[in-house]
Amino acid sequence: MITESRLQMDCFTWHWNTYPQHRGLLFEINNNSENAREGMRHKSLGRVKGVADMCLLCPGGVTVFLEFKTETGTQSPAQKEWQRMVAEAGHGYCIIRNEQEFRNLIQTYL
């Protein structure tokens, strides 16, 4: 079974190679800390619990946040709450479980 990290890496690489004109518009949101001290430092800098793994900035001012999960992975309560807030603010949020879902999403928005 593919890991979430591997799925994210494969999707990013496909996007980078397929859409060179959009490089830099799909990016990782690093929301993990190596230890508690770094976690506290990042929290004081604005890190928010539950934020998605990546952000896609699309033509026309559309923003879509991407959460990568394995086929059996589930969102944490914080991730579900953040998804709700994103939707209420009028932005897109997608859970990506395989590379084909990612490709379909990219082709829809780009």
PDB file of N, CA and C in Angstrom:
ATOM      1  N   MET A   1       0.847  -1.188   0.000  1.00  0.00           N
ATOM      2  CA  MET A   1       0.000   0.000   0.000  1.00  0.00           C
ATOM      3  C   MET A   1       0.887   1.244   0.000  1.00  0.00           C
ATOM      4  N   ILE A   2       0.495   2.223  -0.770  1.00  0.00           N
ATOM      5  CA  ILE A   2       1.239   3.479  -0.883  1.00  0.00           C
ATOM      6  C   ILE A   2       0.974   4.355   0.351  1.00  0.00           C
ATOM      7  N   THR A   3       1.997   5.046   0.812  1.00  0.00           N
ATOM      8  CA  THR A   3       1.840   5.946   1.953  1.00  0.00           C
ATOM      9  C   THR A   3       1.300   7.291   1.480  1.00  0.00           C
ATOM     10  N   GLU A   4       0.790   8.080   2.419  1.00  0.00           N
ATOM     11  CA  GLU A   4       0.312   9.425   2.087  1.00  0.00           C
ATOM     12  C   GLU A   4       1.447  10.276   1.534  1.00  0.00           C
ATOM     13  N   SER A   5       2.608  10.158   2.133  1.00  0.00           N
ATOM     14  CA  SER A   5       3.764  10.943   1.667  1.00  0.00           C
ATOM     15  C   SER A   5       4.141  10.572   0.240  1.00  0.00           C
ATOM     16  N   ARG A   6       4.143   9.289  -0.054  1.00  0.00           N
ATOM     17  CA  ARG A   6       4.493   8.846  -1.406  1.00  0.00           C
ATOM     18  C   ARG A   6       3.447   9.307  -2.423  1.00  0.00           C
ATOM     19  N   LEU A   7       2.180   9.217  -2.054  1.00  0.00           N
ATOM     20  CA  LEU A   7       1.113   9.685  -2.927  1.00  0.00           C
ATOM     21  C   LEU A   7       1.282  11.175  -3.230  1.00  0.00           C
ATOM     22  N   GLN A   8       1.530  11.956  -2.188  1.00  0.00           N
ATOM     23  CA  GLN A   8       1.719  13.393  -2.361  1.00  0.00           C
ATOM     24  C   GLN A   8       2.925  13.666  -3.259  1.00  0.00           C
ATOM     25  N   MET A   9       4.009  12.950  -3.035  1.00  0.00           N
ATOM     26  CA  MET A   9       5.221  13.136  -3.831  1.00  0.00           C
ATOM     27  C   MET A   9       4.969  12.795  -5.304  1.00  0.00           C
ATOM     28  N   ASP A  10       4.306  11.684  -5.559  1.00  0.00           N
ATOM     29  CA  ASP A  10       4.024  11.281  -6.937  1.00  0.00           C
ATOM     30  C   ASP A  10       3.118  12.296  -7.638  1.00  0.00           C
ATOM     31  N   CYS A  11       2.121  12.781  -6.919  1.00  0.00           N
ATOM     32  CA  CYS A  11       1.206  13.769  -7.503  1.00  0.00           C
ATOM     33  C   CYS A  11       1.922  15.078  -7.800  1.00  0.00           C
ATOM     34  N   PHE A  12       2.733  15.532  -6.856  1.00  0.00           N
ATOM     35  CA  PHE A  12       3.475  16.776  -7.074  1.00  0.00           C
ATOM     36  C   PHE A  12       4.410  16.646  -8.276  1.00  0.00           C
ATOM     37  N   THR A  13       5.115  15.528  -8.362  1.00  0.00           N
ATOM     38  CA  THR A  13       6.050  15.314  -9.466  1.00  0.00           C
ATOM     39  C   THR A  13       5.325  15.294 -10.803  1.00  0.00           C
ATOM     40  N   TRP A  14       4.167  14.617 -10.859  1.00  0.00           N
ATOM     41  CA  TRP A  14       3.383  14.601 -12.096  1.00  0.00           C
ATOM     42  C   TRP A  14       2.968  16.022 -12.491  1.00  0.00           C
ATOM     43  N   HIS A  15       2.471  16.778 -11.517  1.00  0.00           N
ATOM     44  CA  HIS A  15       2.055  18.164 -11.800  1.00  0.00           C
ATOM     45  C   HIS A  15       3.239  18.992 -12.279  1.00  0.00           C
ATOM     46  N   TRP A  16       4.367  18.899 -11.609  1.00  0.00           N
ATOM     47  CA  TRP A  16       5.565  19.669 -11.948  1.00  0.00           C
ATOM     48  C   TRP A  16       5.993  19.383 -13.385  1.00  0.00           C
ATOM     49  N   ASN A  17       5.972  18.111 -13.760  1.00  0.00           N
ATOM     50  CA  ASN A  17       6.431  17.720 -15.091  1.00  0.00           C
ATOM     51  C   ASN A  17       5.387  17.965 -16.181  1.00  0.00           C
ATOM     52  N   THR A  18       4.116  17.898 -15.837  1.00  0.00           N
ATOM     53  CA  THR A  18       3.040  18.020 -16.821  1.00  0.00           C
ATOM     54  C   THR A  18       2.645  19.469 -17.069  1.00  0.00           C
ATOM     55  N   TYR A  19       2.727  20.296 -16.040  1.00  0.00           N
ATOM     56  CA  TYR A  19       2.298  21.698 -16.139  1.00  0.00           C
ATOM     57  C   TYR A  19       3.430  22.650 -15.731  1.00  0.00           C
ATOM     58  N   PRO A  20       4.504  22.699 -16.499  1.00  0.00           N
ATOM     59  CA  PRO A  20       5.624  23.577 -16.110  1.00  0.00           C
ATOM     60  C   PRO A  20       5.225  25.040 -15.995  1.00  0.00           C
ATOM     61  N   GLN A  21       4.205  25.445 -16.748  1.00  0.00           N
ATOM     62  CA  GLN A  21       3.758  26.841 -16.699  1.00  0.00           C
ATOM     63  C   GLN A  21       3.056  27.166 -15.376  1.00  0.00           C
ATOM     64  N   HIS A  22       2.699  26.156 -14.607  1.00  0.00           N
ATOM     65  CA  HIS A  22       2.024  26.369 -13.323  1.00  0.00           C
ATOM     66  C   HIS A  22       2.906  26.023 -12.123  1.00  0.00           C
ATOM     67  N   ARG A  23       4.191  25.841 -12.366  1.00  0.00           N
ATOM     68  CA  ARG A  23       5.096  25.519 -11.258  1.00  0.00           C
ATOM     69  C   ARG A  23       5.063  26.644 -10.230  1.00  0.00           C
ATOM     70  N   GLY A  24       5.008  26.249  -8.989  1.00  0.00           N
ATOM     71  CA  GLY A  24       4.947  27.211  -7.894  1.00  0.00           C
ATOM     72  C   GLY A  24       3.531  27.500  -7.428  1.00  0.00           C
ATOM     73  N   LEU A  25       2.528  27.087  -8.218  1.00  0.00           N
ATOM     74  CA  LEU A  25       1.134  27.324  -7.831  1.00  0.00           C
ATOM     75  C   LEU A  25       0.541  26.145  -7.062  1.00  0.00           C
ATOM     76  N   LEU A  26       1.251  25.035  -7.026  1.00  0.00           N
ATOM     77  CA  LEU A  26       0.915  23.889  -6.178  1.00  0.00           C
ATOM     78  C   LEU A  26       2.060  23.759  -5.187  1.00  0.00           C
ATOM     79  N   PHE A  27       1.741  23.842  -3.902  1.00  0.00           N
ATOM     80  CA  PHE A  27       2.822  23.809  -2.921  1.00  0.00           C
ATOM     81  C   PHE A  27       2.384  23.132  -1.629  1.00  0.00           C
ATOM     82  N   GLU A  28       3.385  22.611  -0.949  1.00  0.00           N
ATOM     83  CA  GLU A  28       3.180  21.934   0.329  1.00  0.00           C
ATOM     84  C   GLU A  28       2.942  22.958   1.430  1.00  0.00           C
ATOM     85  N   ILE A  29       2.091  22.578   2.359  1.00  0.00           N
ATOM     86  CA  ILE A  29       1.908  23.351   3.576  1.00  0.00           C
ATOM     87  C   ILE A  29       2.498  22.488   4.688  1.00  0.00           C
ATOM     88  N   ASN A  30       3.663  22.851   5.154  1.00  0.00           N
ATOM     89  CA  ASN A  30       4.338  22.037   6.164  1.00  0.00           C
ATOM     90  C   ASN A  30       3.686  22.282   7.514  1.00  0.00           C
ATOM     91  N   ASN A  31       2.900  21.335   7.949  1.00  0.00           N
ATOM     92  CA  ASN A  31       2.156  21.490   9.196  1.00  0.00           C
ATOM     93  C   ASN A  31       2.565  20.462  10.244  1.00  0.00           C
ATOM     94  N   ASN A  32       3.762  19.906  10.079  1.00  0.00           N
ATOM     95  CA  ASN A  32       4.258  18.914  11.037  1.00  0.00           C
ATOM     96  C   ASN A  32       5.558  19.400  11.654  1.00  0.00           C
ATOM     97  N   SER A  33       5.725  19.121  12.924  1.00  0.00           N
ATOM     98  CA  SER A  33       6.942  19.521  13.631  1.00  0.00           C
ATOM     99  C   SER A  33       7.729  18.294  14.034  1.00  0.00           C
ATOM    100  N   GLU A  34       9.019  18.484  14.126  1.00  0.00           N
ATOM    101  CA  GLU A  34       9.880  17.377  14.521  1.00  0.00           C
ATOM    102  C   GLU A  34       9.803  17.082  16.009  1.00  0.00           C
ATOM    103  N   ASN A  35       9.472  18.088  16.807  1.00  0.00           N
ATOM    104  CA  ASN A  35       9.384  17.873  18.250  1.00  0.00           C
ATOM    105  C   ASN A  35       8.471  18.944  18.859  1.00  0.00           C
ATOM    106  N   ALA A  36       8.196  18.812  20.141  1.00  0.00           N
ATOM    107  CA  ALA A  36       7.260  19.719  20.818  1.00  0.00           C
ATOM    108  C   ALA A  36       7.760  21.167  20.827  1.00  0.00           C
ATOM    109  N   ARG A  37       9.048  21.349  21.012  1.00  0.00           N
ATOM    110  CA  ARG A  37       9.605  22.707  21.036  1.00  0.00           C
ATOM    111  C   ARG A  37       9.385  23.407  19.700  1.00  0.00           C
ATOM    112  N   GLU A  38       9.700  22.701  18.609  1.00  0.00           N
ATOM    113  CA  GLU A  38       9.470  23.270  17.279  1.00  0.00           C
ATOM    114  C   GLU A  38       7.980  23.488  17.039  1.00  0.00           C
ATOM    115  N   GLY A  39       7.156  22.576  17.542  1.00  0.00           N
ATOM    116  CA  GLY A  39       5.713  22.725  17.397  1.00  0.00           C
ATOM    117  C   GLY A  39       5.213  24.003  18.051  1.00  0.00           C
ATOM    118  N   MET A  40       5.690  24.304  19.236  1.00  0.00           N
ATOM    119  CA  MET A  40       5.290  25.525  19.941  1.00  0.00           C
ATOM    120  C   MET A  40       5.776  26.765  19.194  1.00  0.00           C
ATOM    121  N   ARG A  41       6.982  26.700  18.663  1.00  0.00           N
ATOM    122  CA  ARG A  41       7.521  27.833  17.910  1.00  0.00           C
ATOM    123  C   ARG A  41       6.676  28.085  16.660  1.00  0.00           C
ATOM    124  N   HIS A  42       6.369  27.016  15.943  1.00  0.00           N
ATOM    125  CA  HIS A  42       5.567  27.177  14.730  1.00  0.00           C
ATOM    126  C   HIS A  42       4.145  27.641  15.046  1.00  0.00           C
ATOM    127  N   LYS A  43       3.599  27.175  16.144  1.00  0.00           N
ATOM    128  CA  LYS A  43       2.258  27.620  16.548  1.00  0.00           C
ATOM    129  C   LYS A  43       2.264  29.128  16.799  1.00  0.00           C
ATOM    130  N   SER A  44       3.340  29.626  17.435  1.00  0.00           N
ATOM    131  CA  SER A  44       3.424  31.065  17.693  1.00  0.00           C
ATOM    132  C   SER A  44       3.616  31.868  16.406  1.00  0.00           C
ATOM    133  N   LEU A  45       4.062  31.197  15.344  1.00  0.00           N
ATOM    134  CA  LEU A  45       4.239  31.854  14.041  1.00  0.00           C
ATOM    135  C   LEU A  45       2.989  31.764  13.170  1.00  0.00           C
ATOM    136  N   GLY A  46       1.960  31.056  13.662  1.00  0.00           N
ATOM    137  CA  GLY A  46       0.708  30.997  12.922  1.00  0.00           C
ATOM    138  C   GLY A  46       0.278  29.634  12.426  1.00  0.00           C
ATOM    139  N   ARG A  47       0.967  28.585  12.823  1.00  0.00           N
ATOM    140  CA  ARG A  47       0.555  27.251  12.395  1.00  0.00           C
ATOM    141  C   ARG A  47      -0.810  26.935  12.985  1.00  0.00           C
ATOM    142  N   VAL A  48      -1.669  26.321  12.175  1.00  0.00           N
ATOM    143  CA  VAL A  48      -3.030  25.992  12.579  1.00  0.00           C
ATOM    144  C   VAL A  48      -3.224  24.481  12.481  1.00  0.00           C
ATOM    145  N   LYS A  49      -3.761  23.901  13.511  1.00  0.00           N
ATOM    146  CA  LYS A  49      -3.994  22.463  13.546  1.00  0.00           C
ATOM    147  C   LYS A  49      -5.048  22.074  12.510  1.00  0.00           C
ATOM    148  N   GLY A  50      -4.786  20.992  11.772  1.00  0.00           N
ATOM    149  CA  GLY A  50      -5.753  20.468  10.826  1.00  0.00           C
ATOM    150  C   GLY A  50      -5.625  20.969   9.409  1.00  0.00           C
ATOM    151  N   VAL A  51      -4.717  21.896   9.155  1.00  0.00           N
ATOM    152  CA  VAL A  51      -4.560  22.477   7.814  1.00  0.00           C
ATOM    153  C   VAL A  51      -4.182  21.384   6.814  1.00  0.00           C
ATOM    154  N   ALA A  52      -4.657  21.532   5.580  1.00  0.00           N
ATOM    155  CA  ALA A  52      -4.416  20.547   4.527  1.00  0.00           C
ATOM    156  C   ALA A  52      -2.933  20.420   4.186  1.00  0.00           C
ATOM    157  N   ASP A  53      -2.613  19.366   3.433  1.00  0.00           N
ATOM    158  CA  ASP A  53      -1.227  19.070   3.059  1.00  0.00           C
ATOM    159  C   ASP A  53      -0.675  20.009   1.998  1.00  0.00           C
ATOM    160  N   MET A  54      -1.528  20.389   1.027  1.00  0.00           N
ATOM    161  CA  MET A  54      -1.061  21.213  -0.078  1.00  0.00           C
ATOM    162  C   MET A  54      -2.115  22.248  -0.452  1.00  0.00           C
ATOM    163  N   CYS A  55      -1.669  23.247  -1.199  1.00  0.00           N
ATOM    164  CA  CYS A  55      -2.553  24.285  -1.711  1.00  0.00           C
ATOM    165  C   CYS A  55      -2.315  24.401  -3.210  1.00  0.00           C
ATOM    166  N   LEU A  56      -3.407  24.540  -3.961  1.00  0.00           N
ATOM    167  CA  LEU A  56      -3.347  24.751  -5.395  1.00  0.00           C
ATOM    168  C   LEU A  56      -3.993  26.089  -5.713  1.00  0.00           C
ATOM    169  N   LEU A  57      -3.214  26.995  -6.302  1.00  0.00           N
ATOM    170  CA  LEU A  57      -3.720  28.294  -6.739  1.00  0.00           C
ATOM    171  C   LEU A  57      -4.057  28.172  -8.214  1.00  0.00           C
ATOM    172  N   CYS A  58      -5.319  28.356  -8.545  1.00  0.00           N
ATOM    173  CA  CYS A  58      -5.823  28.125  -9.904  1.00  0.00           C
ATOM    174  C   CYS A  58      -6.102  29.444 -10.608  1.00  0.00           C
ATOM    175  N   PRO A  59      -6.161  29.392 -11.926  1.00  0.00           N
ATOM    176  CA  PRO A  59      -6.544  30.584 -12.690  1.00  0.00           C
ATOM    177  C   PRO A  59      -7.915  31.088 -12.234  1.00  0.00           C
ATOM    178  N   GLY A  60      -8.097  32.394 -12.297  1.00  0.00           N
ATOM    179  CA  GLY A  60      -9.371  32.986 -11.918  1.00  0.00           C
ATOM    180  C   GLY A  60      -9.528  33.209 -10.430  1.00  0.00           C
ATOM    181  N   GLY A  61      -8.459  33.040  -9.670  1.00  0.00           N
ATOM    182  CA  GLY A  61      -8.522  33.310  -8.238  1.00  0.00           C
ATOM    183  C   GLY A  61      -9.092  32.190  -7.396  1.00  0.00           C
ATOM    184  N   VAL A  62      -9.193  30.992  -7.947  1.00  0.00           N
ATOM    185  CA  VAL A  62      -9.718  29.850  -7.206  1.00  0.00           C
ATOM    186  C   VAL A  62      -8.589  29.209  -6.406  1.00  0.00           C
ATOM    187  N   THR A  63      -8.870  28.904  -5.144  1.00  0.00           N
ATOM    188  CA  THR A  63      -7.916  28.233  -4.270  1.00  0.00           C
ATOM    189  C   THR A  63      -8.503  26.903  -3.834  1.00  0.00           C
ATOM    190  N   VAL A  64      -7.709  25.841  -3.980  1.00  0.00           N
ATOM    191  CA  VAL A  64      -8.137  24.507  -3.573  1.00  0.00           C
ATOM    192  C   VAL A  64      -7.085  23.933  -2.633  1.00  0.00           C
ATOM    193  N   PHE A  65      -7.539  23.457  -1.496  1.00  0.00           N
ATOM    194  CA  PHE A  65      -6.654  22.804  -0.540  1.00  0.00           C
ATOM    195  C   PHE A  65      -6.778  21.299  -0.712  1.00  0.00           C
ATOM    196  N   LEU A  66      -5.649  20.596  -0.641  1.00  0.00           N
ATOM    197  CA  LEU A  66      -5.600  19.165  -0.892  1.00  0.00           C
ATOM    198  C   LEU A  66      -5.115  18.418   0.345  1.00  0.00           C
ATOM    199  N   GLU A  67      -5.865  17.434   0.741  1.00  0.00           N
ATOM    200  CA  GLU A  67      -5.490  16.551   1.849  1.00  0.00           C
ATOM    201  C   GLU A  67      -5.252  15.168   1.262  1.00  0.00           C
ATOM    202  N   PHE A  68      -4.062  14.646   1.438  1.00  0.00           N
ATOM    203  CA  PHE A  68      -3.712  13.332   0.902  1.00  0.00           C
ATOM    204  C   PHE A  68      -3.945  12.264   1.964  1.00  0.00           C
ATOM    205  N   LYS A  69      -4.691  11.241   1.574  1.00  0.00           N
ATOM    206  CA  LYS A  69      -5.004  10.124   2.470  1.00  0.00           C
ATOM    207  C   LYS A  69      -4.844   8.817   1.699  1.00  0.00           C
ATOM    208  N   THR A  70      -4.473   7.778   2.403  1.00  0.00           N
ATOM    209  CA  THR A  70      -4.456   6.454   1.793  1.00  0.00           C
ATOM    210  C   THR A  70      -5.896   6.036   1.537  1.00  0.00           C
ATOM    211  N   GLU A  71      -6.083   4.929   0.859  1.00  0.00           N
ATOM    212  CA  GLU A  71      -7.431   4.445   0.552  1.00  0.00           C
ATOM    213  C   GLU A  71      -8.248   4.224   1.825  1.00  0.00           C
ATOM    214  N   THR A  72      -7.578   3.922   2.932  1.00  0.00           N
ATOM    215  CA  THR A  72      -8.291   3.654   4.189  1.00  0.00           C
ATOM    216  C   THR A  72      -8.089   4.750   5.230  1.00  0.00           C
ATOM    217  N   GLY A  73      -7.316   5.774   4.893  1.00  0.00           N
ATOM    218  CA  GLY A  73      -7.028   6.847   5.844  1.00  0.00           C
ATOM    219  C   GLY A  73      -8.258   7.703   6.140  1.00  0.00           C
ATOM    220  N   THR A  74      -8.298   8.244   7.353  1.00  0.00           N
ATOM    221  CA  THR A  74      -9.406   9.100   7.758  1.00  0.00           C
ATOM    222  C   THR A  74      -8.880  10.438   8.263  1.00  0.00           C
ATOM    223  N   GLN A  75      -9.724  11.452   8.176  1.00  0.00           N
ATOM    224  CA  GLN A  75      -9.370  12.770   8.678  1.00  0.00           C
ATOM    225  C   GLN A  75      -9.483  12.802  10.194  1.00  0.00           C
ATOM    226  N   SER A  76      -8.626  13.588  10.797  1.00  0.00           N
ATOM    227  CA  SER A  76      -8.730  13.838  12.232  1.00  0.00           C
ATOM    228  C   SER A  76      -9.873  14.829  12.460  1.00  0.00           C
ATOM    229  N   PRO A  77     -10.360  14.938  13.687  1.00  0.00           N
ATOM    230  CA  PRO A  77     -11.375  15.955  13.967  1.00  0.00           C
ATOM    231  C   PRO A  77     -10.909  17.368  13.592  1.00  0.00           C
ATOM    232  N   ALA A  78      -9.636  17.682  13.828  1.00  0.00           N
ATOM    233  CA  ALA A  78      -9.118  19.009  13.477  1.00  0.00           C
ATOM    234  C   ALA A  78      -9.139  19.218  11.964  1.00  0.00           C
ATOM    235  N   GLN A  79      -8.841  18.186  11.196  1.00  0.00           N
ATOM    236  CA  GLN A  79      -8.877  18.299   9.742  1.00  0.00           C
ATOM    237  C   GLN A  79     -10.301  18.512   9.239  1.00  0.00           C
ATOM    238  N   LYS A  80     -11.253  17.817   9.831  1.00  0.00           N
ATOM    239  CA  LYS A  80     -12.655  17.995   9.444  1.00  0.00           C
ATOM    240  C   LYS A  80     -13.135  19.407   9.762  1.00  0.00           C
ATOM    241  N   GLU A  81     -12.742  19.918  10.898  1.00  0.00           N
ATOM    242  CA  GLU A  81     -13.125  21.275  11.283  1.00  0.00           C
ATOM    243  C   GLU A  81     -12.500  22.295  10.330  1.00  0.00           C
ATOM    244  N   TRP A  82     -11.234  22.104   9.986  1.00  0.00           N
ATOM    245  CA  TRP A  82     -10.571  23.033   9.067  1.00  0.00           C
ATOM    246  C   TRP A  82     -11.213  22.970   7.688  1.00  0.00           C
ATOM    247  N   GLN A  83     -11.589  21.770   7.239  1.00  0.00           N
ATOM    248  CA  GLN A  83     -12.294  21.633   5.961  1.00  0.00           C
ATOM    249  C   GLN A  83     -13.599  22.417   5.990  1.00  0.00           C
ATOM    250  N   ARG A  84     -14.318  22.343   7.091  1.00  0.00           N
ATOM    251  CA  ARG A  84     -15.575  23.080   7.228  1.00  0.00           C
ATOM    252  C   ARG A  84     -15.333  24.579   7.115  1.00  0.00           C
ATOM    253  N   MET A  85     -14.310  25.076   7.793  1.00  0.00           N
ATOM    254  CA  MET A  85     -14.006  26.508   7.746  1.00  0.00           C
ATOM    255  C   MET A  85     -13.612  26.950   6.340  1.00  0.00           C
ATOM    256  N   VAL A  86     -12.835  26.132   5.651  1.00  0.00           N
ATOM    257  CA  VAL A  86     -12.421  26.434   4.276  1.00  0.00           C
ATOM    258  C   VAL A  86     -13.646  26.539   3.372  1.00  0.00           C
ATOM    259  N   ALA A  87     -14.555  25.574   3.493  1.00  0.00           N
ATOM    260  CA  ALA A  87     -15.769  25.586   2.667  1.00  0.00           C
ATOM    261  C   ALA A  87     -16.624  26.814   2.972  1.00  0.00           C
ATOM    262  N   GLU A  88     -16.761  27.151   4.232  1.00  0.00           N
ATOM    263  CA  GLU A  88     -17.547  28.335   4.606  1.00  0.00           C
ATOM    264  C   GLU A  88     -16.927  29.615   4.071  1.00  0.00           C
ATOM    265  N   ALA A  89     -15.610  29.620   3.920  1.00  0.00           N
ATOM    266  CA  ALA A  89     -14.920  30.798   3.380  1.00  0.00           C
ATOM    267  C   ALA A  89     -14.961  30.828   1.854  1.00  0.00           C
ATOM    268  N   GLY A  90     -15.533  29.795   1.240  1.00  0.00           N
ATOM    269  CA  GLY A  90     -15.710  29.784  -0.201  1.00  0.00           C
ATOM    270  C   GLY A  90     -14.574  29.178  -1.006  1.00  0.00           C
ATOM    271  N   HIS A  91     -13.690  28.437  -0.346  1.00  0.00           N
ATOM    272  CA  HIS A  91     -12.559  27.816  -1.043  1.00  0.00           C
ATOM    273  C   HIS A  91     -12.815  26.330  -1.240  1.00  0.00           C
ATOM    274  N   GLY A  92     -12.054  25.729  -2.131  1.00  0.00           N
ATOM    275  CA  GLY A  92     -12.177  24.310  -2.398  1.00  0.00           C
ATOM    276  C   GLY A  92     -11.331  23.485  -1.451  1.00  0.00           C
ATOM    277  N   TYR A  93     -11.774  22.270  -1.222  1.00  0.00           N
ATOM    278  CA  TYR A  93     -11.047  21.323  -0.371  1.00  0.00           C
ATOM    279  C   TYR A  93     -11.314  19.932  -0.930  1.00  0.00           C
ATOM    280  N   CYS A  94     -10.266  19.188  -1.220  1.00  0.00           N
ATOM    281  CA  CYS A  94     -10.421  17.846  -1.768  1.00  0.00           C
ATOM    282  C   CYS A  94      -9.525  16.868  -1.025  1.00  0.00           C
ATOM    283  N   ILE A  95     -10.072  15.712  -0.774  1.00  0.00           N
ATOM    284  CA  ILE A  95      -9.283  14.608  -0.236  1.00  0.00           C
ATOM    285  C   ILE A  95      -8.844  13.769  -1.429  1.00  0.00           C
ATOM    286  N   ILE A  96      -7.546  13.556  -1.540  1.00  0.00           N
ATOM    287  CA  ILE A  96      -6.962  12.809  -2.642  1.00  0.00           C
ATOM    288  C   ILE A  96      -6.503  11.454  -2.115  1.00  0.00           C
ATOM    289  N   ARG A  97      -7.018  10.382  -2.718  1.00  0.00           N
ATOM    290  CA  ARG A  97      -6.690   9.026  -2.278  1.00  0.00           C
ATOM    291  C   ARG A  97      -5.845   8.253  -3.280  1.00  0.00           C
ATOM    292  N   ASN A  98      -5.747   8.751  -4.500  1.00  0.00           N
ATOM    293  CA  ASN A  98      -4.898   8.090  -5.490  1.00  0.00           C
ATOM    294  C   ASN A  98      -4.509   9.109  -6.559  1.00  0.00           C
ATOM    295  N   GLU A  99      -3.538   8.743  -7.348  1.00  0.00           N
ATOM    296  CA  GLU A  99      -2.994   9.687  -8.327  1.00  0.00           C
ATOM    297  C   GLU A  99      -4.012  10.042  -9.406  1.00  0.00           C
ATOM    298  N   GLN A 100      -4.887   9.128  -9.769  1.00  0.00           N
ATOM    299  CA  GLN A 100      -5.884   9.436 -10.793  1.00  0.00           C
ATOM    300  C   GLN A 100      -6.861  10.499 -10.304  1.00  0.00           C
ATOM    301  N   GLU A 101      -7.260  10.441  -9.036  1.00  0.00           N
ATOM    302  CA  GLU A 101      -8.115  11.498  -8.474  1.00  0.00           C
ATOM    303  C   GLU A 101      -7.425  12.849  -8.577  1.00  0.00           C
ATOM    304  N   PHE A 102      -6.134  12.863  -8.272  1.00  0.00           N
ATOM    305  CA  PHE A 102      -5.363  14.103  -8.353  1.00  0.00           C
ATOM    306  C   PHE A 102      -5.324  14.628  -9.784  1.00  0.00           C
ATOM    307  N   ARG A 103      -5.029  13.755 -10.721  1.00  0.00           N
ATOM    308  CA  ARG A 103      -4.955  14.172 -12.126  1.00  0.00           C
ATOM    309  C   ARG A 103      -6.299  14.722 -12.602  1.00  0.00           C
ATOM    310  N   ASN A 104      -7.372  14.069 -12.227  1.00  0.00           N
ATOM    311  CA  ASN A 104      -8.707  14.542 -12.612  1.00  0.00           C
ATOM    312  C   ASN A 104      -8.973  15.925 -12.026  1.00  0.00           C
ATOM    313  N   LEU A 105      -8.601  16.114 -10.770  1.00  0.00           N
ATOM    314  CA  LEU A 105      -8.812  17.416 -10.118  1.00  0.00           C
ATOM    315  C   LEU A 105      -8.016  18.502 -10.825  1.00  0.00           C
ATOM    316  N   ILE A 106      -6.754  18.230 -11.117  1.00  0.00           N
ATOM    317  CA  ILE A 106      -5.906  19.222 -11.775  1.00  0.00           C
ATOM    318  C   ILE A 106      -6.474  19.575 -13.149  1.00  0.00           C
ATOM    319  N   GLN A 107      -6.872  18.575 -13.901  1.00  0.00           N
ATOM    320  CA  GLN A 107      -7.413  18.836 -15.232  1.00  0.00           C
ATOM    321  C   GLN A 107      -8.725  19.600 -15.166  1.00  0.00           C
ATOM    322  N   THR A 108      -9.498  19.416 -14.115  1.00  0.00           N
ATOM    323  CA  THR A 108     -10.744  20.160 -13.935  1.00  0.00           C
ATOM    324  C   THR A 108     -10.464  21.635 -13.655  1.00  0.00           C
ATOM    325  N   TYR A 109      -9.499  21.914 -12.770  1.00  0.00           N
ATOM    326  CA  TYR A 109      -9.239  23.288 -12.363  1.00  0.00           C
ATOM    327  C   TYR A 109      -8.310  24.049 -13.299  1.00  0.00           C
ATOM    328  N   LEU A 110      -7.415  23.347 -14.004  1.00  0.00           N
ATOM    329  CA  LEU A 110      -6.466  24.051 -14.874  1.00  0.00           C
ATOM    330  C   LEU A 110      -6.927  23.967 -16.317  1.00  0.00           C
TER     331      LEU A 110
END
